[in-house]
Amino acid sequence: MLSGVIVAAALAAVVEHSILGSNPVFHVNRAYTLTNSSSLVWYALLGLLAALVSVAFTDSLLWLRAWFKRLTAVPRWVHPAIGGLGVGCLAALTLGLFHLNGIAGDPYKTLTLALTGSMGTLPVLAMAAFCVVKTGRDSLLLFERRIGRNFCAGAVHGAMLGGSVGYLDVAIFHHSADSVGAFAVVGMERSLPASFARP
């Protein structure tokens, strides 16, 4: 099974590079380092929160599947339409509230804002909301069996969680605003192994 995943990932990389070229998808024009050892408290919290969010994602998907199985009054061929409607509503809600497209379409712009620690254009409320809404959105998409949790979905989800914790580091310890981007990078990296796991 693992060999199939490796072959699929390699073929996907070849196809992507042949179509899009070798340019990076998002740009982070700085190197993050651990400048304050007190930030380790928040990194430990980020690890715990990432575990809880992963469990919440898996449980929400299993609950959604069980709920739809009990929904016998609605034909099975309508279920994907219900899931699509749910995703559309979540995308419209976040786009209307935050004017950022991180749920539907190209999320790389929002991801770049998180990774660069753009506190002015991506406030903590938006990051936390994207983290929660991403869990619901990915559950709906996996329920529809249209896609697996791909690289970008896991990256955005983890970056928003990490950035939200980074805001705590800035607000409580008064560290540099760059901490938000550093936490987003760590959150993104922690979420990627779980991005390909399916219950």
C-alpha atoms as a PDB file:
ATOM      1  CA  MET A   1       0.000   0.000   0.000  1.00  0.00           C
ATOM      2  CA  LEU A   2       2.803   2.420   0.886  1.00  0.00           C
ATOM      3  CA  SER A   3       4.574   1.703  -2.413  1.00  0.00           C
ATOM      4  CA  GLY A   4       1.428   2.741  -4.296  1.00  0.00           C
ATOM      5  CA  VAL A   5       1.334   6.039  -2.398  1.00  0.00           C
ATOM      6  CA  ILE A   6       5.006   6.678  -3.219  1.00  0.00           C
ATOM      7  CA  VAL A   7       4.518   5.939  -6.922  1.00  0.00           C
ATOM      8  CA  ALA A   8       1.383   8.126  -7.042  1.00  0.00           C
ATOM      9  CA  ALA A   9       3.196  11.003  -5.305  1.00  0.00           C
ATOM     10  CA  ALA A  10       6.147  10.748  -7.702  1.00  0.00           C
ATOM     11  CA  LEU A  11       3.898  10.712 -10.779  1.00  0.00           C
ATOM     12  CA  ALA A  12       1.884  13.639  -9.433  1.00  0.00           C
ATOM     13  CA  ALA A  13       5.089  15.633  -8.907  1.00  0.00           C
ATOM     14  CA  VAL A  14       6.237  14.926 -12.483  1.00  0.00           C
ATOM     15  CA  VAL A  15       2.885  15.974 -13.950  1.00  0.00           C
ATOM     16  CA  GLU A  16       2.724  19.093 -11.788  1.00  0.00           C
ATOM     17  CA  HIS A  17       6.236  20.209 -12.720  1.00  0.00           C
ATOM     18  CA  SER A  18       5.592  19.581 -16.418  1.00  0.00           C
ATOM     19  CA  ILE A  19       2.471  21.789 -16.326  1.00  0.00           C
ATOM     20  CA  LEU A  20       3.288  24.454 -13.713  1.00  0.00           C
ATOM     21  CA  GLY A  21       7.074  24.505 -13.874  1.00  0.00           C
ATOM     22  CA  SER A  22       9.425  24.400 -10.908  1.00  0.00           C
ATOM     23  CA  ASN A  23       8.433  27.718  -9.342  1.00  0.00           C
ATOM     24  CA  PRO A  24       7.469  27.564  -5.645  1.00  0.00           C
ATOM     25  CA  VAL A  25       3.758  27.657  -4.932  1.00  0.00           C
ATOM     26  CA  PHE A  26       4.145  30.187  -2.122  1.00  0.00           C
ATOM     27  CA  HIS A  27       6.979  32.478  -1.093  1.00  0.00           C
ATOM     28  CA  VAL A  28       8.331  33.065   2.405  1.00  0.00           C
ATOM     29  CA  ASN A  29      11.119  35.613   2.150  1.00  0.00           C
ATOM     30  CA  ARG A  30      12.633  35.001   5.568  1.00  0.00           C
ATOM     31  CA  ALA A  31      14.225  32.254   7.625  1.00  0.00           C
ATOM     32  CA  TYR A  32      12.580  31.585  10.972  1.00  0.00           C
ATOM     33  CA  THR A  33      14.657  30.704  14.021  1.00  0.00           C
ATOM     34  CA  LEU A  34      13.823  30.060  17.672  1.00  0.00           C
ATOM     35  CA  THR A  35      14.836  33.378  19.229  1.00  0.00           C
ATOM     36  CA  ASN A  36      13.003  33.013  22.559  1.00  0.00           C
ATOM     37  CA  SER A  37      13.097  29.763  24.518  1.00  0.00           C
ATOM     38  CA  SER A  38       9.849  30.764  26.277  1.00  0.00           C
ATOM     39  CA  SER A  39       8.072  30.146  22.959  1.00  0.00           C
ATOM     40  CA  LEU A  40       8.577  26.408  23.533  1.00  0.00           C
ATOM     41  CA  VAL A  41       5.568  26.533  25.861  1.00  0.00           C
ATOM     42  CA  TRP A  42       3.375  27.526  22.931  1.00  0.00           C
ATOM     43  CA  TYR A  43       4.991  24.985  20.609  1.00  0.00           C
ATOM     44  CA  ALA A  44       4.089  22.264  23.117  1.00  0.00           C
ATOM     45  CA  LEU A  45       0.527  23.615  23.190  1.00  0.00           C
ATOM     46  CA  LEU A  46       0.474  23.587  19.391  1.00  0.00           C
ATOM     47  CA  GLY A  47       1.402  19.908  19.392  1.00  0.00           C
ATOM     48  CA  LEU A  48      -1.429  19.069  21.780  1.00  0.00           C
ATOM     49  CA  LEU A  49      -3.948  21.149  19.821  1.00  0.00           C
ATOM     50  CA  ALA A  50      -2.861  19.541  16.547  1.00  0.00           C
ATOM     51  CA  ALA A  51      -3.560  16.110  18.059  1.00  0.00           C
ATOM     52  CA  LEU A  52      -6.993  17.225  19.299  1.00  0.00           C
ATOM     53  CA  VAL A  53      -7.902  18.767  15.945  1.00  0.00           C
ATOM     54  CA  SER A  54      -6.839  15.580  14.138  1.00  0.00           C
ATOM     55  CA  VAL A  55      -9.087  13.509  16.403  1.00  0.00           C
ATOM     56  CA  ALA A  56     -11.922  16.007  15.915  1.00  0.00           C
ATOM     57  CA  PHE A  57     -11.529  15.738  12.144  1.00  0.00           C
ATOM     58  CA  THR A  58     -11.653  11.942  12.185  1.00  0.00           C
ATOM     59  CA  ASP A  59     -14.607  11.866  14.592  1.00  0.00           C
ATOM     60  CA  SER A  60     -16.546  14.460  12.587  1.00  0.00           C
ATOM     61  CA  LEU A  61     -16.065  12.444   9.407  1.00  0.00           C
ATOM     62  CA  LEU A  62     -17.222   9.219  11.057  1.00  0.00           C
ATOM     63  CA  TRP A  63     -20.212  11.010  12.631  1.00  0.00           C
ATOM     64  CA  LEU A  64     -21.132  12.529   9.263  1.00  0.00           C
ATOM     65  CA  ARG A  65     -21.026   9.159   7.524  1.00  0.00           C
ATOM     66  CA  ALA A  66     -23.166   7.570  10.253  1.00  0.00           C
ATOM     67  CA  TRP A  67     -25.675  10.433  10.099  1.00  0.00           C
ATOM     68  CA  PHE A  68     -26.068  10.158   6.338  1.00  0.00           C
ATOM     69  CA  LYS A  69     -26.532   6.389   6.583  1.00  0.00           C
ATOM     70  CA  ARG A  70     -29.517   7.026   8.855  1.00  0.00           C
ATOM     71  CA  LEU A  71     -30.878   9.597   6.396  1.00  0.00           C
ATOM     72  CA  THR A  72     -32.861   7.044   4.392  1.00  0.00           C
ATOM     73  CA  ALA A  73     -35.570   9.496   3.304  1.00  0.00           C
ATOM     74  CA  VAL A  74     -33.061  11.152   0.951  1.00  0.00           C
ATOM     75  CA  PRO A  75     -31.782   9.120  -2.035  1.00  0.00           C
ATOM     76  CA  ARG A  76     -28.085   8.273  -1.959  1.00  0.00           C
ATOM     77  CA  TRP A  77     -27.458  10.090  -5.232  1.00  0.00           C
ATOM     78  CA  VAL A  78     -28.527  13.348  -3.536  1.00  0.00           C
ATOM     79  CA  HIS A  79     -25.953  13.005  -0.731  1.00  0.00           C
ATOM     80  CA  PRO A  80     -23.038  14.463  -2.765  1.00  0.00           C
ATOM     81  CA  ALA A  81     -25.213  17.457  -3.616  1.00  0.00           C
ATOM     82  CA  ILE A  82     -25.886  18.010   0.092  1.00  0.00           C
ATOM     83  CA  GLY A  83     -22.168  17.818   0.796  1.00  0.00           C
ATOM     84  CA  GLY A  84     -21.438  20.260  -2.044  1.00  0.00           C
ATOM     85  CA  LEU A  85     -24.054  22.655  -0.714  1.00  0.00           C
ATOM     86  CA  GLY A  86     -22.437  22.491   2.720  1.00  0.00           C
ATOM     87  CA  VAL A  87     -18.991  23.264   1.287  1.00  0.00           C
ATOM     88  CA  GLY A  88     -20.428  26.148  -0.747  1.00  0.00           C
ATOM     89  CA  CYS A  89     -22.090  27.637   2.325  1.00  0.00           C
ATOM     90  CA  LEU A  90     -18.848  27.412   4.318  1.00  0.00           C
ATOM     91  CA  ALA A  91     -16.905  29.059   1.479  1.00  0.00           C
ATOM     92  CA  ALA A  92     -19.466  31.856   1.124  1.00  0.00           C
ATOM     93  CA  LEU A  93     -19.486  32.437   4.881  1.00  0.00           C
ATOM     94  CA  THR A  94     -15.717  32.794   5.213  1.00  0.00           C
ATOM     95  CA  LEU A  95     -15.436  34.855   2.026  1.00  0.00           C
ATOM     96  CA  GLY A  96     -18.156  37.214   3.238  1.00  0.00           C
ATOM     97  CA  LEU A  97     -16.745  37.578   6.754  1.00  0.00           C
ATOM     98  CA  PHE A  98     -13.024  37.794   6.051  1.00  0.00           C
ATOM     99  CA  HIS A  99     -12.787  38.530   2.295  1.00  0.00           C
ATOM    100  CA  LEU A 100     -10.229  35.725   1.991  1.00  0.00           C
ATOM    101  CA  ASN A 101     -10.467  32.645  -0.184  1.00  0.00           C
ATOM    102  CA  GLY A 102      -9.078  29.830   1.921  1.00  0.00           C
ATOM    103  CA  ILE A 103     -11.937  27.356   1.660  1.00  0.00           C
ATOM    104  CA  ALA A 104     -12.772  27.102  -2.048  1.00  0.00           C
ATOM    105  CA  GLY A 105     -10.597  27.813  -5.030  1.00  0.00           C
ATOM    106  CA  ASP A 106      -6.922  28.703  -4.692  1.00  0.00           C
ATOM    107  CA  PRO A 107      -5.967  28.847  -0.985  1.00  0.00           C
ATOM    108  CA  TYR A 108      -2.272  29.581  -1.532  1.00  0.00           C
ATOM    109  CA  LYS A 109      -2.685  33.336  -1.116  1.00  0.00           C
ATOM    110  CA  THR A 110      -4.239  32.860   2.330  1.00  0.00           C
ATOM    111  CA  LEU A 111      -1.596  30.271   3.192  1.00  0.00           C
ATOM    112  CA  THR A 112       1.176  32.705   2.222  1.00  0.00           C
ATOM    113  CA  LEU A 113      -0.346  35.376   4.483  1.00  0.00           C
ATOM    114  CA  ALA A 114      -0.192  32.928   7.390  1.00  0.00           C
ATOM    115  CA  LEU A 115       3.368  31.806   6.667  1.00  0.00           C
ATOM    116  CA  THR A 116       4.634  35.376   6.452  1.00  0.00           C
ATOM    117  CA  GLY A 117       2.877  36.396   9.680  1.00  0.00           C
ATOM    118  CA  SER A 118       0.730  39.102   8.083  1.00  0.00           C
ATOM    119  CA  MET A 119      -1.162  40.086  11.227  1.00  0.00           C
ATOM    120  CA  GLY A 120      -2.772  43.101   9.568  1.00  0.00           C
ATOM    121  CA  THR A 121      -4.391  41.234   6.684  1.00  0.00           C
ATOM    122  CA  LEU A 122      -4.977  37.899   8.450  1.00  0.00           C
ATOM    123  CA  PRO A 123      -6.209  38.501  12.024  1.00  0.00           C
ATOM    124  CA  VAL A 124      -6.315  35.790  14.658  1.00  0.00           C
ATOM    125  CA  LEU A 125     -10.092  35.443  14.384  1.00  0.00           C
ATOM    126  CA  ALA A 126      -9.771  34.655  10.677  1.00  0.00           C
ATOM    127  CA  MET A 127      -7.042  32.079  11.342  1.00  0.00           C
ATOM    128  CA  ALA A 128      -9.041  30.334  14.050  1.00  0.00           C
ATOM    129  CA  ALA A 129     -12.174  30.394  11.894  1.00  0.00           C
ATOM    130  CA  PHE A 130     -10.339  28.931   8.900  1.00  0.00           C
ATOM    131  CA  CYS A 131      -8.959  26.148  11.088  1.00  0.00           C
ATOM    132  CA  VAL A 132     -12.447  25.187  12.320  1.00  0.00           C
ATOM    133  CA  VAL A 133     -14.172  25.625   8.955  1.00  0.00           C
ATOM    134  CA  LYS A 134     -11.423  23.644   7.212  1.00  0.00           C
ATOM    135  CA  THR A 135     -12.195  20.685   9.472  1.00  0.00           C
ATOM    136  CA  GLY A 136     -15.862  20.787   8.448  1.00  0.00           C
ATOM    137  CA  ARG A 137     -15.062  21.338   4.791  1.00  0.00           C
ATOM    138  CA  ASP A 138     -12.600  18.452   4.601  1.00  0.00           C
ATOM    139  CA  SER A 139     -15.064  16.161   6.382  1.00  0.00           C
ATOM    140  CA  LEU A 140     -17.722  17.007   3.805  1.00  0.00           C
ATOM    141  CA  LEU A 141     -15.357  16.446   0.879  1.00  0.00           C
ATOM    142  CA  LEU A 142     -14.132  13.140   2.227  1.00  0.00           C
ATOM    143  CA  PHE A 143     -17.703  12.093   2.908  1.00  0.00           C
ATOM    144  CA  GLU A 144     -18.517  12.783  -0.744  1.00  0.00           C
ATOM    145  CA  ARG A 145     -15.466  10.657  -1.583  1.00  0.00           C
ATOM    146  CA  ARG A 146     -14.475  13.272  -4.158  1.00  0.00           C
ATOM    147  CA  ILE A 147     -10.949  13.871  -2.858  1.00  0.00           C
ATOM    148  CA  GLY A 148      -8.593  12.766  -0.145  1.00  0.00           C
ATOM    149  CA  ARG A 149      -7.058  15.294   2.209  1.00  0.00           C
ATOM    150  CA  ASN A 150      -4.343  16.526  -0.117  1.00  0.00           C
ATOM    151  CA  PHE A 151      -1.183  18.520   0.558  1.00  0.00           C
ATOM    152  CA  CYS A 152      -2.803  21.921   0.309  1.00  0.00           C
ATOM    153  CA  ALA A 153      -5.763  21.071   2.541  1.00  0.00           C
ATOM    154  CA  GLY A 154      -3.495  19.793   5.293  1.00  0.00           C
ATOM    155  CA  ALA A 155      -1.051  22.671   4.854  1.00  0.00           C
ATOM    156  CA  VAL A 156      -3.707  25.380   5.162  1.00  0.00           C
ATOM    157  CA  HIS A 157      -5.375  23.649   8.092  1.00  0.00           C
ATOM    158  CA  GLY A 158      -2.108  23.291  10.025  1.00  0.00           C
ATOM    159  CA  ALA A 159      -0.851  26.782   9.176  1.00  0.00           C
ATOM    160  CA  MET A 160      -4.039  28.384  10.464  1.00  0.00           C
ATOM    161  CA  LEU A 161      -3.845  26.414  13.711  1.00  0.00           C
ATOM    162  CA  GLY A 162      -0.166  27.251  14.150  1.00  0.00           C
ATOM    163  CA  GLY A 163      -0.701  30.919  13.351  1.00  0.00           C
ATOM    164  CA  SER A 164      -3.504  31.134  15.900  1.00  0.00           C
ATOM    165  CA  VAL A 165      -1.171  29.800  18.598  1.00  0.00           C
ATOM    166  CA  GLY A 166       1.507  32.208  17.370  1.00  0.00           C
ATOM    167  CA  TYR A 167      -0.808  35.106  18.154  1.00  0.00           C
ATOM    168  CA  LEU A 168      -0.787  33.946  21.788  1.00  0.00           C
ATOM    169  CA  ASP A 169       3.013  34.087  21.784  1.00  0.00           C
ATOM    170  CA  VAL A 170       2.920  37.665  20.500  1.00  0.00           C
ATOM    171  CA  ALA A 171       0.076  38.825  22.755  1.00  0.00           C
ATOM    172  CA  ILE A 172       1.221  37.249  26.037  1.00  0.00           C
ATOM    173  CA  PHE A 173       5.015  37.179  25.786  1.00  0.00           C
ATOM    174  CA  HIS A 174       5.225  40.273  23.535  1.00  0.00           C
ATOM    175  CA  HIS A 175       7.554  38.535  21.130  1.00  0.00           C
ATOM    176  CA  SER A 176       8.108  39.734  17.581  1.00  0.00           C
ATOM    177  CA  ALA A 177       5.180  39.502  15.149  1.00  0.00           C
ATOM    178  CA  ASP A 178       7.370  37.141  13.107  1.00  0.00           C
ATOM    179  CA  SER A 179       6.387  34.473  15.644  1.00  0.00           C
ATOM    180  CA  VAL A 180       3.017  34.138  13.927  1.00  0.00           C
ATOM    181  CA  GLY A 181       4.656  33.036  10.685  1.00  0.00           C
ATOM    182  CA  ALA A 182       7.065  30.704  12.492  1.00  0.00           C
ATOM    183  CA  PHE A 183       4.212  28.992  14.319  1.00  0.00           C
ATOM    184  CA  ALA A 184       2.279  28.717  11.046  1.00  0.00           C
ATOM    185  CA  VAL A 185       5.237  26.943   9.416  1.00  0.00           C
ATOM    186  CA  VAL A 186       5.513  24.482  12.328  1.00  0.00           C
ATOM    187  CA  GLY A 187       1.740  23.907  12.364  1.00  0.00           C
ATOM    188  CA  MET A 188       1.752  23.234   8.631  1.00  0.00           C
ATOM    189  CA  GLU A 189       4.619  20.772   8.930  1.00  0.00           C
ATOM    190  CA  ARG A 190       2.940  18.916  11.822  1.00  0.00           C
ATOM    191  CA  SER A 191      -0.334  18.546   9.927  1.00  0.00           C
ATOM    192  CA  LEU A 192       1.056  17.105   6.695  1.00  0.00           C
ATOM    193  CA  PRO A 193       1.600  13.484   7.808  1.00  0.00           C
ATOM    194  CA  ALA A 194      -2.041  13.345   8.929  1.00  0.00           C
ATOM    195  CA  SER A 195      -3.246  14.960   5.712  1.00  0.00           C
ATOM    196  CA  PHE A 196      -2.996  11.708   3.809  1.00  0.00           C
ATOM    197  CA  ALA A 197      -4.505   9.487   6.478  1.00  0.00           C
ATOM    198  CA  ARG A 198      -8.047   8.293   5.948  1.00  0.00           C
ATOM    199  CA  PRO A 199     -10.180   6.626   8.579  1.00  0.00           C
END
